Amino acid sequence: MPSLLIMAIIFITLALVFYTIGVFGEKKKGELTIFHTVLFWFGFVCDTVGTTIMSKIAEGGFSFNAHGITGLIALLLMAFHAIWATVIIIKKDDKAKRFFHKFSIVVWAIWLVPYILGMFIGMK
């Protein structure tokens, strides 16, 4: 297996780990914290790095297929999610901190679509 592919898989899997811990840790706590926000940023950065490496491996870069489109949507949602979490933490918006997890779970579930599609595509 080429080393670039291994690196991409590691980064994208780290994104899954960071994002999952952040989302479900936030849900369990019942409130957004700085720690969760940092995990969202780590997840976003790891996913961006992994996706960038994968696009270098793929001939032609970005593809307008189910994986490419859902992956782009997921990355944009992750960026929005991390930015919004940061704003909530900075503003110390207690009401938003308590209800943010509902949005987090939706973003996480959407993110899983290209992750799973990518696994199936990779197994072909």
N, C-alpha and C. Protein backbone atom coordinates (compact mmCIF):
# COMPACT_ATOMS: atom_id res chain seq x y z
N MET A 1 0.86 -1.18 0.00
CA MET A 1 0.00 0.00 0.00
C MET A 1 0.90 1.23 0.00
N PRO A 2 0.66 2.18 -0.91
CA PRO A 2 1.50 3.38 -0.99
C PRO A 2 1.44 4.21 0.31
N SER A 3 2.58 4.82 0.64
CA SER A 3 2.66 5.58 1.90
C SER A 3 1.70 6.77 1.93
N LEU A 4 1.46 7.41 0.79
CA LEU A 4 0.50 8.52 0.76
C LEU A 4 -0.90 8.04 1.13
N LEU A 5 -1.27 6.89 0.64
CA LEU A 5 -2.58 6.33 0.95
C LEU A 5 -2.69 6.02 2.45
N ILE A 6 -1.64 5.47 3.01
CA ILE A 6 -1.63 5.17 4.44
C ILE A 6 -1.79 6.46 5.25
N MET A 7 -1.06 7.50 4.85
CA MET A 7 -1.16 8.80 5.54
C MET A 7 -2.59 9.35 5.45
N ALA A 8 -3.18 9.27 4.28
CA ALA A 8 -4.54 9.78 4.09
C ALA A 8 -5.53 9.02 4.97
N ILE A 9 -5.41 7.71 5.00
CA ILE A 9 -6.29 6.88 5.83
C ILE A 9 -6.12 7.23 7.31
N ILE A 10 -4.88 7.42 7.74
CA ILE A 10 -4.63 7.78 9.14
C ILE A 10 -5.29 9.11 9.48
N PHE A 11 -5.10 10.12 8.63
CA PHE A 11 -5.67 11.43 8.92
C PHE A 11 -7.20 11.41 8.91
N ILE A 12 -7.78 10.73 7.96
CA ILE A 12 -9.24 10.69 7.88
C ILE A 12 -9.81 9.89 9.06
N THR A 13 -9.11 8.85 9.47
CA THR A 13 -9.55 8.09 10.65
C THR A 13 -9.38 8.91 11.92
N LEU A 14 -8.31 9.69 12.02
CA LEU A 14 -8.16 10.60 13.16
C LEU A 14 -9.29 11.62 13.19
N ALA A 15 -9.70 12.08 12.02
CA ALA A 15 -10.84 13.01 11.96
C ALA A 15 -12.07 12.35 12.56
N LEU A 16 -12.31 11.10 12.19
CA LEU A 16 -13.46 10.37 12.75
C LEU A 16 -13.35 10.26 14.27
N VAL A 17 -12.18 9.93 14.76
CA VAL A 17 -11.98 9.78 16.21
C VAL A 17 -12.20 11.11 16.93
N PHE A 18 -11.54 12.17 16.48
CA PHE A 18 -11.68 13.47 17.13
C PHE A 18 -13.13 13.96 17.08
N TYR A 19 -13.74 13.85 15.92
CA TYR A 19 -15.10 14.36 15.76
C TYR A 19 -16.09 13.56 16.59
N THR A 20 -15.93 12.25 16.61
CA THR A 20 -16.84 11.40 17.38
C THR A 20 -16.71 11.67 18.88
N ILE A 21 -15.48 11.78 19.37
CA ILE A 21 -15.28 12.09 20.79
C ILE A 21 -15.86 13.46 21.11
N GLY A 22 -15.63 14.43 20.24
CA GLY A 22 -16.17 15.77 20.47
C GLY A 22 -17.68 15.79 20.50
N VAL A 23 -18.31 15.19 19.51
CA VAL A 23 -19.77 15.22 19.39
C VAL A 23 -20.44 14.47 20.55
N PHE A 24 -19.98 13.25 20.81
CA PHE A 24 -20.66 12.47 21.84
C PHE A 24 -20.23 12.87 23.25
N GLY A 25 -19.03 13.43 23.38
CA GLY A 25 -18.62 13.99 24.68
C GLY A 25 -19.47 15.20 25.01
N GLU A 26 -19.72 16.02 24.01
CA GLU A 26 -20.58 17.19 24.19
C GLU A 26 -22.00 16.77 24.55
N LYS A 27 -22.50 15.76 23.86
CA LYS A 27 -23.86 15.27 24.14
C LYS A 27 -23.95 14.72 25.56
N LYS A 28 -22.95 13.94 25.96
CA LYS A 28 -22.96 13.35 27.30
C LYS A 28 -22.89 14.44 28.37
N LYS A 29 -22.06 15.43 28.15
CA LYS A 29 -21.93 16.53 29.12
C LYS A 29 -23.18 17.41 29.12
N GLY A 30 -23.84 17.48 27.97
CA GLY A 30 -25.04 18.31 27.87
C GLY A 30 -24.73 19.77 27.63
N GLU A 31 -23.48 20.03 27.28
CA GLU A 31 -23.06 21.41 27.07
C GLU A 31 -21.75 21.46 26.29
N LEU A 32 -21.65 22.42 25.40
CA LEU A 32 -20.44 22.63 24.63
C LEU A 32 -19.35 23.21 25.53
N THR A 33 -18.13 22.67 25.43
CA THR A 33 -17.00 23.20 26.19
C THR A 33 -15.85 23.55 25.23
N ILE A 34 -14.84 24.18 25.76
CA ILE A 34 -13.65 24.50 24.97
C ILE A 34 -13.02 23.20 24.44
N PHE A 35 -12.98 22.19 25.29
CA PHE A 35 -12.40 20.90 24.90
C PHE A 35 -13.10 20.33 23.68
N HIS A 36 -14.43 20.36 23.66
CA HIS A 36 -15.18 19.85 22.51
C HIS A 36 -14.86 20.67 21.26
N THR A 37 -14.80 21.97 21.44
CA THR A 37 -14.51 22.86 20.31
C THR A 37 -13.14 22.56 19.72
N VAL A 38 -12.16 22.33 20.58
CA VAL A 38 -10.81 21.97 20.10
C VAL A 38 -10.86 20.64 19.33
N LEU A 39 -11.62 19.69 19.83
CA LEU A 39 -11.75 18.41 19.12
C LEU A 39 -12.40 18.59 17.75
N PHE A 40 -13.39 19.49 17.65
CA PHE A 40 -14.02 19.76 16.35
C PHE A 40 -12.98 20.33 15.38
N TRP A 41 -12.14 21.26 15.87
CA TRP A 41 -11.10 21.83 15.01
C TRP A 41 -10.09 20.76 14.60
N PHE A 42 -9.66 19.90 15.54
CA PHE A 42 -8.74 18.82 15.20
C PHE A 42 -9.35 17.91 14.14
N GLY A 43 -10.63 17.56 14.32
CA GLY A 43 -11.32 16.72 13.34
C GLY A 43 -11.35 17.38 11.97
N PHE A 44 -11.68 18.66 11.94
CA PHE A 44 -11.73 19.38 10.67
C PHE A 44 -10.36 19.43 10.00
N VAL A 45 -9.33 19.74 10.77
CA VAL A 45 -7.97 19.82 10.20
C VAL A 45 -7.53 18.45 9.69
N CYS A 46 -7.75 17.41 10.47
CA CYS A 46 -7.36 16.06 10.03
C CYS A 46 -8.11 15.64 8.78
N ASP A 47 -9.40 15.95 8.72
CA ASP A 47 -10.18 15.60 7.53
C ASP A 47 -9.69 16.38 6.32
N THR A 48 -9.37 17.64 6.51
CA THR A 48 -8.86 18.46 5.40
C THR A 48 -7.53 17.92 4.89
N VAL A 49 -6.64 17.57 5.82
CA VAL A 49 -5.33 17.02 5.42
C VAL A 49 -5.53 15.68 4.70
N GLY A 50 -6.34 14.80 5.28
CA GLY A 50 -6.59 13.50 4.65
C GLY A 50 -7.22 13.63 3.28
N THR A 51 -8.18 14.54 3.16
CA THR A 51 -8.85 14.76 1.87
C THR A 51 -7.88 15.34 0.85
N THR A 52 -7.02 16.24 1.28
CA THR A 52 -6.02 16.83 0.38
C THR A 52 -5.07 15.76 -0.14
N ILE A 53 -4.63 14.88 0.76
CA ILE A 53 -3.74 13.79 0.34
C ILE A 53 -4.46 12.87 -0.64
N MET A 54 -5.71 12.52 -0.32
CA MET A 54 -6.49 11.65 -1.22
C MET A 54 -6.67 12.28 -2.60
N SER A 55 -6.88 13.60 -2.63
CA SER A 55 -7.06 14.26 -3.93
C SER A 55 -5.77 14.25 -4.74
N LYS A 56 -4.63 14.24 -4.07
CA LYS A 56 -3.35 14.15 -4.78
C LYS A 56 -3.16 12.74 -5.36
N ILE A 57 -3.69 11.74 -4.64
CA ILE A 57 -3.60 10.36 -5.12
C ILE A 57 -4.54 10.14 -6.30
N ALA A 58 -5.76 10.67 -6.18
CA ALA A 58 -6.77 10.48 -7.24
C ALA A 58 -6.37 11.26 -8.48
N GLU A 59 -6.45 10.63 -9.58
CA GLU A 59 -6.14 11.31 -10.84
C GLU A 59 -7.28 12.25 -11.18
N GLY A 60 -6.94 13.50 -11.43
CA GLY A 60 -7.95 14.47 -11.80
C GLY A 60 -8.52 15.23 -10.61
N GLY A 61 -8.09 14.91 -9.38
CA GLY A 61 -8.54 15.64 -8.20
C GLY A 61 -10.01 15.43 -7.88
N PHE A 62 -10.72 16.52 -7.61
CA PHE A 62 -12.12 16.47 -7.19
C PHE A 62 -13.01 15.90 -8.28
N SER A 63 -13.94 15.03 -7.88
CA SER A 63 -14.89 14.44 -8.81
C SER A 63 -16.31 14.81 -8.40
N PHE A 64 -17.13 15.14 -9.39
CA PHE A 64 -18.54 15.42 -9.12
C PHE A 64 -19.32 14.11 -9.11
N ASN A 65 -19.06 13.32 -8.07
CA ASN A 65 -19.80 12.08 -7.85
C ASN A 65 -20.33 12.12 -6.42
N ALA A 66 -21.01 11.07 -6.00
CA ALA A 66 -21.62 11.06 -4.66
C ALA A 66 -20.58 11.28 -3.57
N HIS A 67 -19.43 10.64 -3.70
CA HIS A 67 -18.39 10.79 -2.68
C HIS A 67 -17.83 12.20 -2.66
N GLY A 68 -17.53 12.74 -3.83
CA GLY A 68 -16.96 14.08 -3.91
C GLY A 68 -17.90 15.16 -3.41
N ILE A 69 -19.15 15.07 -3.81
CA ILE A 69 -20.13 16.09 -3.41
C ILE A 69 -20.45 15.99 -1.91
N THR A 70 -20.69 14.78 -1.41
CA THR A 70 -20.99 14.65 0.02
C THR A 70 -19.76 15.01 0.86
N GLY A 71 -18.58 14.70 0.35
CA GLY A 71 -17.35 15.05 1.05
C GLY A 71 -17.16 16.55 1.15
N LEU A 72 -17.44 17.26 0.07
CA LEU A 72 -17.34 18.72 0.08
C LEU A 72 -18.36 19.32 1.04
N ILE A 73 -19.59 18.83 0.99
CA ILE A 73 -20.63 19.30 1.91
C ILE A 73 -20.21 19.04 3.37
N ALA A 74 -19.67 17.86 3.63
CA ALA A 74 -19.25 17.51 4.98
C ALA A 74 -18.13 18.43 5.47
N LEU A 75 -17.15 18.71 4.62
CA LEU A 75 -16.06 19.61 5.01
C LEU A 75 -16.57 21.02 5.30
N LEU A 76 -17.46 21.50 4.45
CA LEU A 76 -18.03 22.84 4.67
C LEU A 76 -18.83 22.89 5.97
N LEU A 77 -19.62 21.84 6.22
CA LEU A 77 -20.38 21.77 7.47
C LEU A 77 -19.46 21.69 8.69
N MET A 78 -18.38 20.91 8.58
CA MET A 78 -17.43 20.81 9.69
C MET A 78 -16.79 22.17 9.98
N ALA A 79 -16.45 22.90 8.93
CA ALA A 79 -15.86 24.24 9.12
C ALA A 79 -16.86 25.16 9.80
N PHE A 80 -18.10 25.18 9.30
CA PHE A 80 -19.14 26.00 9.90
C PHE A 80 -19.37 25.60 11.36
N HIS A 81 -19.41 24.31 11.61
CA HIS A 81 -19.64 23.77 12.95
C HIS A 81 -18.55 24.22 13.91
N ALA A 82 -17.29 24.09 13.51
CA ALA A 82 -16.17 24.49 14.37
C ALA A 82 -16.17 26.00 14.60
N ILE A 83 -16.46 26.77 13.56
CA ILE A 83 -16.51 28.23 13.70
C ILE A 83 -17.64 28.63 14.64
N TRP A 84 -18.81 28.05 14.44
CA TRP A 84 -19.96 28.38 15.29
C TRP A 84 -19.68 27.99 16.75
N ALA A 85 -19.07 26.83 16.97
CA ALA A 85 -18.72 26.42 18.33
C ALA A 85 -17.76 27.43 18.96
N THR A 86 -16.81 27.90 18.18
CA THR A 86 -15.85 28.88 18.68
C THR A 86 -16.55 30.18 19.06
N VAL A 87 -17.47 30.63 18.23
CA VAL A 87 -18.23 31.86 18.51
C VAL A 87 -19.04 31.70 19.79
N ILE A 88 -19.69 30.55 19.95
CA ILE A 88 -20.49 30.30 21.16
C ILE A 88 -19.61 30.34 22.41
N ILE A 89 -18.44 29.73 22.33
CA ILE A 89 -17.52 29.71 23.48
C ILE A 89 -17.03 31.13 23.78
N ILE A 90 -16.65 31.88 22.76
CA ILE A 90 -16.14 33.24 22.96
C ILE A 90 -17.22 34.15 23.55
N LYS A 91 -18.44 34.03 23.03
CA LYS A 91 -19.55 34.87 23.51
C LYS A 91 -20.12 34.39 24.84
N LYS A 92 -19.72 33.19 25.27
CA LYS A 92 -20.23 32.59 26.51
C LYS A 92 -21.76 32.53 26.51
N ASP A 93 -22.29 32.05 25.39
CA ASP A 93 -23.73 31.94 25.22
C ASP A 93 -24.21 30.62 25.83
N ASP A 94 -24.65 30.69 27.09
CA ASP A 94 -25.03 29.47 27.82
C ASP A 94 -26.19 28.73 27.17
N LYS A 95 -27.16 29.46 26.66
CA LYS A 95 -28.31 28.79 26.02
C LYS A 95 -27.84 28.01 24.79
N ALA A 96 -27.02 28.63 23.96
CA ALA A 96 -26.51 27.97 22.76
C ALA A 96 -25.62 26.78 23.13
N LYS A 97 -24.84 26.92 24.20
CA LYS A 97 -23.97 25.81 24.65
C LYS A 97 -24.77 24.55 24.96
N ARG A 98 -25.98 24.74 25.53
CA ARG A 98 -26.79 23.58 25.92
C ARG A 98 -27.50 22.92 24.74
N PHE A 99 -27.73 23.64 23.66
CA PHE A 99 -28.50 23.10 22.53
C PHE A 99 -27.66 22.83 21.29
N PHE A 100 -26.39 23.17 21.35
CA PHE A 100 -25.51 23.02 20.21
C PHE A 100 -25.37 21.56 19.79
N HIS A 101 -25.44 20.62 20.75
CA HIS A 101 -25.21 19.20 20.44
C HIS A 101 -26.21 18.64 19.43
N LYS A 102 -27.39 19.22 19.34
CA LYS A 102 -28.36 18.72 18.35
C LYS A 102 -27.82 18.93 16.94
N PHE A 103 -27.22 20.08 16.71
CA PHE A 103 -26.61 20.38 15.42
C PHE A 103 -25.36 19.51 15.21
N SER A 104 -24.61 19.29 16.28
CA SER A 104 -23.38 18.49 16.19
C SER A 104 -23.66 17.09 15.68
N ILE A 105 -24.70 16.47 16.19
CA ILE A 105 -25.02 15.09 15.78
C ILE A 105 -25.42 15.04 14.31
N VAL A 106 -26.13 16.05 13.84
CA VAL A 106 -26.52 16.10 12.43
C VAL A 106 -25.28 16.22 11.55
N VAL A 107 -24.36 17.12 11.92
CA VAL A 107 -23.12 17.30 11.14
C VAL A 107 -22.30 16.01 11.15
N TRP A 108 -22.20 15.37 12.30
CA TRP A 108 -21.44 14.12 12.41
C TRP A 108 -22.06 13.05 11.51
N ALA A 109 -23.38 12.92 11.52
CA ALA A 109 -24.06 11.92 10.70
C ALA A 109 -23.85 12.19 9.21
N ILE A 110 -23.93 13.46 8.82
CA ILE A 110 -23.68 13.82 7.42
C ILE A 110 -22.23 13.50 7.05
N TRP A 111 -21.30 13.77 7.97
CA TRP A 111 -19.88 13.49 7.72
C TRP A 111 -19.64 12.00 7.50
N LEU A 112 -20.41 11.16 8.18
CA LEU A 112 -20.22 9.71 8.02
C LEU A 112 -20.52 9.22 6.60
N VAL A 113 -21.40 9.91 5.88
CA VAL A 113 -21.77 9.47 4.53
C VAL A 113 -20.54 9.38 3.62
N PRO A 114 -19.76 10.47 3.44
CA PRO A 114 -18.58 10.34 2.57
C PRO A 114 -17.51 9.44 3.17
N TYR A 115 -17.44 9.35 4.49
CA TYR A 115 -16.47 8.46 5.12
C TYR A 115 -16.76 7.01 4.72
N ILE A 116 -18.02 6.62 4.84
CA ILE A 116 -18.42 5.24 4.50
C ILE A 116 -18.33 5.02 2.99
N LEU A 117 -18.77 6.01 2.20
CA LEU A 117 -18.65 5.89 0.74
C LEU A 117 -17.19 5.70 0.34
N GLY A 118 -16.31 6.46 0.97
CA GLY A 118 -14.88 6.35 0.68
C GLY A 118 -14.33 4.97 0.99
N MET A 119 -14.79 4.37 2.07
CA MET A 119 -14.36 3.01 2.40
C MET A 119 -14.80 2.02 1.32
N PHE A 120 -16.06 2.14 0.88
CA PHE A 120 -16.56 1.23 -0.14
C PHE A 120 -15.84 1.43 -1.47
N ILE A 121 -15.59 2.68 -1.81
CA ILE A 121 -14.86 2.98 -3.06
C ILE A 121 -13.46 2.40 -2.98
N GLY A 122 -12.83 2.53 -1.81
CA GLY A 122 -11.47 2.02 -1.62
C GLY A 122 -11.40 0.50 -1.68
N MET A 123 -12.49 -0.19 -1.35
CA MET A 123 -12.50 -1.65 -1.37
C MET A 123 -12.73 -2.20 -2.77
N LYS A 124 -13.16 -1.35 -3.70
CA LYS A 124 -13.42 -1.83 -5.07
C LYS A 124 -12.17 -2.32 -5.73
